[in-house]
Amino acid sequence: MPQPNPPILLIQTAFIGDVILATAVVEYLAQHEPATPVDVLVRRGNEALLQGHPHIRQVLIWDKKHGKYAALWQLLQRVRAGGYGRVVTLQRYASTGFLTAFSGPRAGGVCREPVQPLVHAARAPRHRQRHPRSAAQPGPGGPLAQHQPRGTSAGARPAGLPAV
């Protein structure tokens, strides 16, 4: 009998727009790992954005305004007991780096704080690659003024955008 996939915890305790952007990760996981349950940790006030989401099993809430560090300690205990196979932070806060680093399972994320060596238990290699430069000479407005989006002709603009 196959072992069930352990759940993944995504941490995004920043503001509303960041939580909305994090739903792309949830959708990606639903497509590529549909049998893996996904839980998300958000700050109090953002939980309504994710409650009822078809690909999220559980929304954990961190009240940062009342007893922030006591609540962080309680969350750490809850995360450690949650049986997560992976804990990923989607932001750069030291407090969520702490939570990720000491959660127990494989941890990772985008943290670049002073605690970075603690946060990245398993870090993917970074490939530094420069964006290819256009062969056109820079004109008025800099090199990007020459850029023309793929699939458009000179003077054309996407529908719904006003002329500049």
N, C-alpha and C. Protein backbone atom coordinates (compact mmCIF):
# COMPACT_ATOMS: atom_id res chain seq x y z
N MET A 1 0.86 -1.19 0.00
CA MET A 1 0.00 0.00 0.00
C MET A 1 0.90 1.25 0.00
N PRO A 2 0.69 2.19 -0.94
CA PRO A 2 1.56 3.36 -1.00
C PRO A 2 1.34 4.28 0.20
N GLN A 3 2.43 4.90 0.61
CA GLN A 3 2.38 5.86 1.72
C GLN A 3 1.72 7.15 1.22
N PRO A 4 0.83 7.75 2.02
CA PRO A 4 0.26 9.04 1.61
C PRO A 4 1.35 10.11 1.66
N ASN A 5 1.24 11.08 0.77
CA ASN A 5 2.21 12.18 0.76
C ASN A 5 2.03 13.03 2.00
N PRO A 6 3.14 13.35 2.68
CA PRO A 6 3.00 14.24 3.84
C PRO A 6 2.62 15.65 3.36
N PRO A 7 1.87 16.37 4.16
CA PRO A 7 1.42 17.70 3.74
C PRO A 7 2.58 18.70 3.62
N ILE A 8 2.32 19.75 2.87
CA ILE A 8 3.25 20.87 2.70
C ILE A 8 2.65 22.07 3.43
N LEU A 9 3.50 22.82 4.13
CA LEU A 9 3.06 24.07 4.75
C LEU A 9 3.74 25.22 4.02
N LEU A 10 2.93 26.13 3.48
CA LEU A 10 3.42 27.36 2.87
C LEU A 10 3.21 28.49 3.87
N ILE A 11 4.23 29.30 4.07
CA ILE A 11 4.15 30.40 5.03
C ILE A 11 4.18 31.72 4.28
N GLN A 12 3.13 32.53 4.45
CA GLN A 12 3.07 33.86 3.86
C GLN A 12 2.32 34.75 4.84
N THR A 13 3.05 35.39 5.76
CA THR A 13 2.43 36.21 6.79
C THR A 13 2.58 37.69 6.51
N ALA A 14 2.81 38.07 5.25
CA ALA A 14 2.92 39.48 4.90
C ALA A 14 1.52 40.04 4.64
N PHE A 15 1.40 40.90 3.70
CA PHE A 15 0.14 41.61 3.50
C PHE A 15 -0.72 40.96 2.42
N ILE A 16 -1.90 41.50 2.21
CA ILE A 16 -2.93 40.89 1.39
C ILE A 16 -2.45 40.56 -0.03
N GLY A 17 -1.74 41.48 -0.67
CA GLY A 17 -1.27 41.23 -2.03
C GLY A 17 -0.30 40.07 -2.11
N ASP A 18 0.53 39.94 -1.08
CA ASP A 18 1.48 38.83 -1.05
C ASP A 18 0.76 37.49 -0.90
N VAL A 19 -0.30 37.48 -0.13
CA VAL A 19 -1.09 36.25 0.03
C VAL A 19 -1.76 35.89 -1.28
N ILE A 20 -2.28 36.88 -1.98
CA ILE A 20 -2.91 36.62 -3.28
C ILE A 20 -1.88 36.04 -4.25
N LEU A 21 -0.68 36.61 -4.27
CA LEU A 21 0.36 36.08 -5.15
C LEU A 21 0.76 34.65 -4.76
N ALA A 22 0.69 34.33 -3.49
CA ALA A 22 1.06 32.99 -3.02
C ALA A 22 0.09 31.92 -3.53
N THR A 23 -1.11 32.32 -3.93
CA THR A 23 -2.05 31.32 -4.44
C THR A 23 -1.54 30.68 -5.73
N ALA A 24 -0.63 31.33 -6.42
CA ALA A 24 -0.04 30.72 -7.62
C ALA A 24 0.77 29.48 -7.24
N VAL A 25 1.42 29.51 -6.09
CA VAL A 25 2.17 28.35 -5.61
C VAL A 25 1.20 27.22 -5.27
N VAL A 26 0.09 27.57 -4.65
CA VAL A 26 -0.93 26.58 -4.31
C VAL A 26 -1.45 25.91 -5.58
N GLU A 27 -1.74 26.71 -6.60
CA GLU A 27 -2.24 26.16 -7.87
C GLU A 27 -1.18 25.27 -8.52
N TYR A 28 0.07 25.68 -8.48
CA TYR A 28 1.16 24.88 -9.04
C TYR A 28 1.23 23.53 -8.35
N LEU A 29 1.18 23.53 -7.03
CA LEU A 29 1.24 22.28 -6.28
C LEU A 29 0.04 21.40 -6.58
N ALA A 30 -1.13 22.00 -6.74
CA ALA A 30 -2.33 21.21 -7.06
C ALA A 30 -2.19 20.52 -8.42
N GLN A 31 -1.51 21.17 -9.37
CA GLN A 31 -1.32 20.58 -10.69
C GLN A 31 -0.23 19.51 -10.68
N HIS A 32 0.86 19.77 -9.96
CA HIS A 32 2.03 18.89 -10.04
C HIS A 32 2.10 17.85 -8.92
N GLU A 33 1.43 18.10 -7.82
CA GLU A 33 1.40 17.16 -6.71
C GLU A 33 -0.02 17.08 -6.14
N PRO A 34 -0.97 16.62 -6.95
CA PRO A 34 -2.38 16.67 -6.51
C PRO A 34 -2.69 15.84 -5.27
N ALA A 35 -1.88 14.83 -4.97
CA ALA A 35 -2.15 13.99 -3.80
C ALA A 35 -1.53 14.56 -2.53
N THR A 36 -0.82 15.67 -2.62
CA THR A 36 -0.16 16.26 -1.46
C THR A 36 -1.04 17.35 -0.86
N PRO A 37 -1.46 17.18 0.40
CA PRO A 37 -2.25 18.22 1.05
C PRO A 37 -1.40 19.49 1.26
N VAL A 38 -2.03 20.64 1.09
CA VAL A 38 -1.35 21.92 1.25
C VAL A 38 -2.04 22.72 2.34
N ASP A 39 -1.25 23.14 3.33
CA ASP A 39 -1.72 24.06 4.37
C ASP A 39 -0.99 25.38 4.18
N VAL A 40 -1.62 26.48 4.58
CA VAL A 40 -1.01 27.79 4.44
C VAL A 40 -1.11 28.54 5.76
N LEU A 41 -0.01 29.17 6.15
CA LEU A 41 0.02 30.01 7.35
C LEU A 41 0.00 31.47 6.92
N VAL A 42 -0.98 32.23 7.42
CA VAL A 42 -1.12 33.65 7.10
C VAL A 42 -1.29 34.44 8.39
N ARG A 43 -1.10 35.75 8.30
CA ARG A 43 -1.34 36.62 9.45
C ARG A 43 -2.84 36.82 9.63
N ARG A 44 -3.22 37.09 10.88
CA ARG A 44 -4.64 37.33 11.16
C ARG A 44 -5.14 38.48 10.29
N GLY A 45 -6.29 38.29 9.69
CA GLY A 45 -6.88 39.28 8.80
C GLY A 45 -6.84 38.83 7.35
N ASN A 46 -5.92 37.91 7.01
CA ASN A 46 -5.83 37.42 5.64
C ASN A 46 -6.43 36.03 5.46
N GLU A 47 -6.89 35.42 6.53
CA GLU A 47 -7.37 34.04 6.44
C GLU A 47 -8.60 33.90 5.55
N ALA A 48 -9.44 34.92 5.48
CA ALA A 48 -10.66 34.84 4.67
C ALA A 48 -10.34 34.69 3.18
N LEU A 49 -9.17 35.15 2.76
CA LEU A 49 -8.78 35.02 1.35
C LEU A 49 -8.63 33.57 0.94
N LEU A 50 -8.25 32.71 1.87
CA LEU A 50 -7.91 31.33 1.53
C LEU A 50 -8.90 30.29 2.06
N GLN A 51 -9.72 30.66 3.01
CA GLN A 51 -10.68 29.70 3.55
C GLN A 51 -11.67 29.31 2.45
N GLY A 52 -11.87 28.00 2.30
CA GLY A 52 -12.75 27.50 1.26
C GLY A 52 -12.05 27.28 -0.07
N HIS A 53 -10.75 27.57 -0.15
CA HIS A 53 -10.00 27.33 -1.39
C HIS A 53 -9.97 25.83 -1.64
N PRO A 54 -10.28 25.38 -2.84
CA PRO A 54 -10.39 23.94 -3.09
C PRO A 54 -9.07 23.16 -2.96
N HIS A 55 -7.92 23.84 -3.05
CA HIS A 55 -6.64 23.14 -2.97
C HIS A 55 -5.92 23.34 -1.65
N ILE A 56 -6.57 23.99 -0.70
CA ILE A 56 -5.96 24.22 0.61
C ILE A 56 -6.72 23.41 1.65
N ARG A 57 -5.99 22.55 2.34
CA ARG A 57 -6.60 21.70 3.36
C ARG A 57 -6.93 22.49 4.62
N GLN A 58 -5.98 23.35 5.04
CA GLN A 58 -6.15 24.05 6.31
C GLN A 58 -5.42 25.39 6.23
N VAL A 59 -6.01 26.42 6.85
CA VAL A 59 -5.38 27.73 6.95
C VAL A 59 -5.01 27.95 8.41
N LEU A 60 -3.71 28.12 8.65
CA LEU A 60 -3.23 28.43 10.00
C LEU A 60 -3.11 29.95 10.11
N ILE A 61 -3.40 30.48 11.29
CA ILE A 61 -3.43 31.92 11.49
C ILE A 61 -2.45 32.32 12.58
N TRP A 62 -1.66 33.36 12.29
CA TRP A 62 -0.72 33.92 13.27
C TRP A 62 -1.16 35.34 13.58
N ASP A 63 -1.51 35.57 14.84
CA ASP A 63 -1.88 36.91 15.28
C ASP A 63 -0.61 37.63 15.70
N LYS A 64 -0.08 38.47 14.82
CA LYS A 64 1.17 39.16 15.08
C LYS A 64 1.00 40.38 15.98
N LYS A 65 -0.23 40.84 16.16
CA LYS A 65 -0.44 42.07 16.93
C LYS A 65 -0.62 41.83 18.42
N HIS A 66 -0.97 40.62 18.80
CA HIS A 66 -1.22 40.33 20.22
C HIS A 66 -0.35 39.14 20.63
N GLY A 67 0.66 39.40 21.42
CA GLY A 67 1.53 38.31 21.87
C GLY A 67 2.27 37.65 20.72
N LYS A 68 2.88 38.46 19.88
CA LYS A 68 3.51 37.97 18.65
C LYS A 68 4.44 36.79 18.88
N TYR A 69 5.36 36.90 19.85
CA TYR A 69 6.36 35.85 20.03
C TYR A 69 5.82 34.64 20.79
N ALA A 70 4.87 34.86 21.68
CA ALA A 70 4.22 33.73 22.34
C ALA A 70 3.41 32.94 21.31
N ALA A 71 2.73 33.67 20.43
CA ALA A 71 1.96 33.01 19.37
C ALA A 71 2.88 32.30 18.39
N LEU A 72 4.07 32.87 18.14
CA LEU A 72 5.04 32.22 17.26
C LEU A 72 5.50 30.90 17.87
N TRP A 73 5.76 30.89 19.16
CA TRP A 73 6.17 29.66 19.84
C TRP A 73 5.06 28.60 19.76
N GLN A 74 3.82 29.01 19.97
CA GLN A 74 2.70 28.07 19.87
C GLN A 74 2.56 27.53 18.45
N LEU A 75 2.77 28.40 17.46
CA LEU A 75 2.73 27.96 16.07
C LEU A 75 3.82 26.95 15.77
N LEU A 76 5.01 27.19 16.30
CA LEU A 76 6.11 26.26 16.08
C LEU A 76 5.74 24.88 16.61
N GLN A 77 5.13 24.82 17.78
CA GLN A 77 4.71 23.54 18.35
C GLN A 77 3.66 22.88 17.45
N ARG A 78 2.74 23.67 16.96
CA ARG A 78 1.68 23.14 16.10
C ARG A 78 2.25 22.65 14.76
N VAL A 79 3.20 23.39 14.20
CA VAL A 79 3.81 22.99 12.93
C VAL A 79 4.60 21.70 13.12
N ARG A 80 5.35 21.61 14.22
CA ARG A 80 6.14 20.40 14.47
C ARG A 80 5.23 19.18 14.64
N ALA A 81 4.05 19.37 15.20
CA ALA A 81 3.11 18.26 15.40
C ALA A 81 2.30 17.97 14.13
N GLY A 82 2.37 18.85 13.13
CA GLY A 82 1.53 18.72 11.94
C GLY A 82 1.95 17.66 10.95
N GLY A 83 3.13 17.06 11.12
CA GLY A 83 3.57 16.01 10.21
C GLY A 83 3.92 16.50 8.82
N TYR A 84 4.38 17.74 8.71
CA TYR A 84 4.69 18.30 7.39
C TYR A 84 5.96 17.68 6.82
N GLY A 85 5.90 17.36 5.54
CA GLY A 85 7.06 16.85 4.84
C GLY A 85 7.96 17.99 4.37
N ARG A 86 7.33 19.13 4.08
CA ARG A 86 8.07 20.32 3.65
C ARG A 86 7.41 21.55 4.24
N VAL A 87 8.24 22.49 4.66
CA VAL A 87 7.78 23.78 5.14
C VAL A 87 8.52 24.82 4.32
N VAL A 88 7.76 25.68 3.63
CA VAL A 88 8.37 26.65 2.73
C VAL A 88 7.88 28.04 3.09
N THR A 89 8.81 28.95 3.35
CA THR A 89 8.43 30.33 3.59
C THR A 89 8.55 31.10 2.28
N LEU A 90 7.56 31.93 2.00
CA LEU A 90 7.51 32.67 0.75
C LEU A 90 7.86 34.14 0.96
N GLN A 91 8.60 34.42 2.00
CA GLN A 91 8.94 35.81 2.32
C GLN A 91 10.29 35.89 3.00
N ARG A 92 10.68 37.09 3.43
CA ARG A 92 12.01 37.29 3.97
C ARG A 92 12.01 37.79 5.41
N TYR A 93 11.09 37.38 6.22
CA TYR A 93 11.07 37.83 7.60
C TYR A 93 11.85 36.86 8.47
N ALA A 94 12.61 37.39 9.42
CA ALA A 94 13.40 36.55 10.31
C ALA A 94 12.50 35.63 11.15
N SER A 95 11.35 36.11 11.57
CA SER A 95 10.47 35.30 12.41
C SER A 95 9.94 34.08 11.66
N THR A 96 9.58 34.24 10.39
CA THR A 96 9.12 33.07 9.64
C THR A 96 10.30 32.20 9.22
N GLY A 97 11.49 32.80 9.10
CA GLY A 97 12.69 32.00 8.87
C GLY A 97 12.96 31.11 10.06
N PHE A 98 12.77 31.65 11.27
CA PHE A 98 12.91 30.87 12.49
C PHE A 98 11.91 29.72 12.50
N LEU A 99 10.67 30.03 12.18
CA LEU A 99 9.62 29.01 12.16
C LEU A 99 9.95 27.91 11.16
N THR A 100 10.44 28.31 9.98
CA THR A 100 10.79 27.34 8.95
C THR A 100 11.98 26.49 9.38
N ALA A 101 13.02 27.14 9.90
CA ALA A 101 14.25 26.42 10.24
C ALA A 101 14.04 25.40 11.35
N PHE A 102 13.20 25.71 12.30
CA PHE A 102 13.02 24.83 13.46
C PHE A 102 11.74 24.01 13.40
N SER A 103 11.14 23.92 12.23
CA SER A 103 9.89 23.19 12.08
C SER A 103 10.07 21.68 12.07
N GLY A 104 11.28 21.22 11.78
CA GLY A 104 11.53 19.78 11.79
C GLY A 104 11.78 19.18 10.43
N PRO A 105 10.87 19.30 9.46
CA PRO A 105 11.09 18.65 8.17
C PRO A 105 12.04 19.43 7.29
N ARG A 106 12.18 18.95 6.05
CA ARG A 106 12.95 19.70 5.06
C ARG A 106 12.36 21.08 4.96
N ALA A 107 13.21 22.07 5.03
CA ALA A 107 12.73 23.44 5.00
C ALA A 107 13.39 24.19 3.86
N GLY A 108 12.74 25.21 3.41
CA GLY A 108 13.30 26.04 2.36
C GLY A 108 12.51 27.30 2.23
N GLY A 109 12.92 28.13 1.31
CA GLY A 109 12.20 29.37 1.09
C GLY A 109 13.08 30.41 0.48
N VAL A 110 12.63 31.64 0.58
CA VAL A 110 13.32 32.73 -0.07
C VAL A 110 13.96 33.68 0.92
N CYS A 111 14.14 33.28 2.14
CA CYS A 111 14.65 34.16 3.19
C CYS A 111 16.09 34.58 2.90
N ARG A 112 16.36 35.87 3.04
CA ARG A 112 17.71 36.39 2.86
C ARG A 112 18.08 37.24 4.07
N GLU A 113 17.62 36.88 5.21
CA GLU A 113 17.90 37.58 6.45
C GLU A 113 19.20 37.07 7.05
N PRO A 114 19.67 37.63 8.15
CA PRO A 114 20.88 37.14 8.79
C PRO A 114 20.79 35.68 9.23
N VAL A 115 19.58 35.14 9.36
CA VAL A 115 19.43 33.75 9.77
C VAL A 115 19.43 32.81 8.57
N GLN A 116 19.81 33.30 7.40
CA GLN A 116 19.74 32.50 6.18
C GLN A 116 20.41 31.14 6.31
N PRO A 117 21.60 31.01 6.89
CA PRO A 117 22.19 29.66 7.00
C PRO A 117 21.33 28.70 7.80
N LEU A 118 20.56 29.21 8.74
CA LEU A 118 19.68 28.36 9.53
C LEU A 118 18.43 27.97 8.75
N VAL A 119 17.96 28.89 7.92
CA VAL A 119 16.70 28.68 7.22
C VAL A 119 16.82 27.65 6.12
N HIS A 120 17.90 27.72 5.36
CA HIS A 120 18.03 26.87 4.19
C HIS A 120 18.69 25.55 4.53
N ALA A 121 17.89 24.61 4.98
CA ALA A 121 18.41 23.28 5.26
C ALA A 121 18.80 22.60 3.95
N ALA A 122 18.01 22.79 2.95
CA ALA A 122 18.30 22.24 1.62
C ALA A 122 18.10 23.38 0.63
N ARG A 123 19.16 23.84 0.04
CA ARG A 123 19.07 25.01 -0.82
C ARG A 123 19.36 24.62 -2.27
N ALA A 124 18.52 25.07 -3.14
CA ALA A 124 18.72 24.81 -4.56
C ALA A 124 19.84 25.69 -5.07
N PRO A 125 20.64 25.19 -6.02
CA PRO A 125 21.71 26.02 -6.56
C PRO A 125 21.14 27.21 -7.34
N ARG A 126 21.81 28.33 -7.23
CA ARG A 126 21.40 29.53 -7.97
C ARG A 126 22.18 29.62 -9.26
N HIS A 127 21.48 29.88 -10.31
CA HIS A 127 22.13 30.06 -11.60
C HIS A 127 22.03 31.53 -11.96
N ARG A 128 23.15 32.17 -12.02
CA ARG A 128 23.16 33.59 -12.39
C ARG A 128 23.26 33.69 -13.90
N GLN A 129 22.25 34.28 -14.47
CA GLN A 129 22.21 34.44 -15.91
C GLN A 129 21.67 35.83 -16.21
N ARG A 130 22.38 36.53 -17.01
CA ARG A 130 21.94 37.88 -17.37
C ARG A 130 20.87 37.82 -18.46
N HIS A 131 20.00 38.78 -18.39
CA HIS A 131 18.97 38.89 -19.42
C HIS A 131 19.64 39.26 -20.73
N PRO A 132 19.30 38.58 -21.83
CA PRO A 132 19.94 38.93 -23.10
C PRO A 132 19.60 40.36 -23.50
N ARG A 133 20.61 41.08 -23.94
CA ARG A 133 20.43 42.48 -24.34
C ARG A 133 19.97 42.56 -25.79
N SER A 134 19.21 43.56 -26.04
CA SER A 134 18.76 43.79 -27.41
C SER A 134 19.93 44.30 -28.23
N ALA A 135 19.96 43.94 -29.51
CA ALA A 135 21.02 44.39 -30.41
C ALA A 135 20.83 45.86 -30.79
N ALA A 136 19.62 46.35 -30.57
CA ALA A 136 19.35 47.74 -30.94
C ALA A 136 20.10 48.69 -30.02
N GLN A 137 20.53 49.81 -30.57
CA GLN A 137 21.21 50.83 -29.78
C GLN A 137 20.18 51.52 -28.88
N PRO A 138 20.59 51.86 -27.65
CA PRO A 138 19.65 52.57 -26.78
C PRO A 138 19.22 53.89 -27.42
N GLY A 139 17.95 54.14 -27.38
CA GLY A 139 17.42 55.38 -27.94
C GLY A 139 16.88 56.24 -26.81
N PRO A 140 16.08 57.25 -27.13
CA PRO A 140 15.49 58.08 -26.08
C PRO A 140 14.65 57.21 -25.14
N GLY A 141 14.85 57.41 -23.87
CA GLY A 141 14.12 56.63 -22.89
C GLY A 141 14.85 55.39 -22.44
N GLY A 142 16.05 55.13 -22.94
CA GLY A 142 16.83 53.98 -22.49
C GLY A 142 16.61 52.77 -23.36
N PRO A 143 17.32 51.67 -23.04
CA PRO A 143 17.27 50.48 -23.88
C PRO A 143 15.90 49.84 -23.96
N LEU A 144 15.09 49.95 -22.91
CA LEU A 144 13.78 49.29 -22.94
C LEU A 144 12.77 50.03 -23.80
N ALA A 145 13.08 51.28 -24.16
CA ALA A 145 12.17 52.01 -25.03
C ALA A 145 12.11 51.34 -26.40
N GLN A 146 13.13 50.59 -26.76
CA GLN A 146 13.17 49.89 -28.03
C GLN A 146 12.39 48.58 -27.98
N HIS A 147 12.05 48.11 -26.79
CA HIS A 147 11.41 46.80 -26.62
C HIS A 147 10.00 46.82 -27.20
N GLN A 148 9.68 45.76 -27.90
CA GLN A 148 8.34 45.60 -28.46
C GLN A 148 7.83 44.23 -28.04
N PRO A 149 6.72 44.15 -27.29
CA PRO A 149 6.22 42.85 -26.84
C PRO A 149 5.98 41.90 -28.00
N ARG A 150 6.24 40.63 -27.74
CA ARG A 150 6.04 39.59 -28.75
C ARG A 150 4.59 39.59 -29.22
N GLY A 151 4.38 39.42 -30.50
CA GLY A 151 3.03 39.32 -31.03
C GLY A 151 2.36 40.65 -31.29
N THR A 152 3.10 41.78 -31.16
CA THR A 152 2.50 43.08 -31.44
C THR A 152 3.25 43.72 -32.59
N SER A 153 2.59 44.58 -33.29
CA SER A 153 3.25 45.31 -34.36
C SER A 153 3.52 46.72 -33.87
N ALA A 154 4.36 47.44 -34.58
CA ALA A 154 4.70 48.80 -34.16
C ALA A 154 3.42 49.63 -34.05
N GLY A 155 3.28 50.32 -32.96
CA GLY A 155 2.14 51.17 -32.74
C GLY A 155 0.95 50.46 -32.13
N ALA A 156 0.94 49.12 -32.12
CA ALA A 156 -0.17 48.38 -31.54
C ALA A 156 -0.02 48.31 -30.03
N ARG A 157 -1.11 48.21 -29.32
CA ARG A 157 -1.07 48.04 -27.88
C ARG A 157 -2.17 47.06 -27.49
N PRO A 158 -1.99 46.37 -26.37
CA PRO A 158 -3.03 45.44 -25.93
C PRO A 158 -4.35 46.15 -25.72
N ALA A 159 -5.44 45.45 -25.99
CA ALA A 159 -6.78 46.03 -25.83
C ALA A 159 -6.99 46.48 -24.40
N GLY A 160 -7.65 47.58 -24.24
CA GLY A 160 -8.00 48.08 -22.92
C GLY A 160 -6.97 48.98 -22.30
N LEU A 161 -5.80 49.16 -22.93
CA LEU A 161 -4.80 50.06 -22.39
C LEU A 161 -4.86 51.39 -23.12
N PRO A 162 -4.85 52.50 -22.38
CA PRO A 162 -4.95 53.80 -23.04
C PRO A 162 -3.66 54.13 -23.77
N ALA A 163 -3.77 54.96 -24.78
CA ALA A 163 -2.58 55.45 -25.50
C ALA A 163 -1.81 56.38 -24.58
N VAL A 164 -0.51 56.33 -24.67
CA VAL A 164 0.34 57.15 -23.80
C VAL A 164 0.68 58.43 -24.47
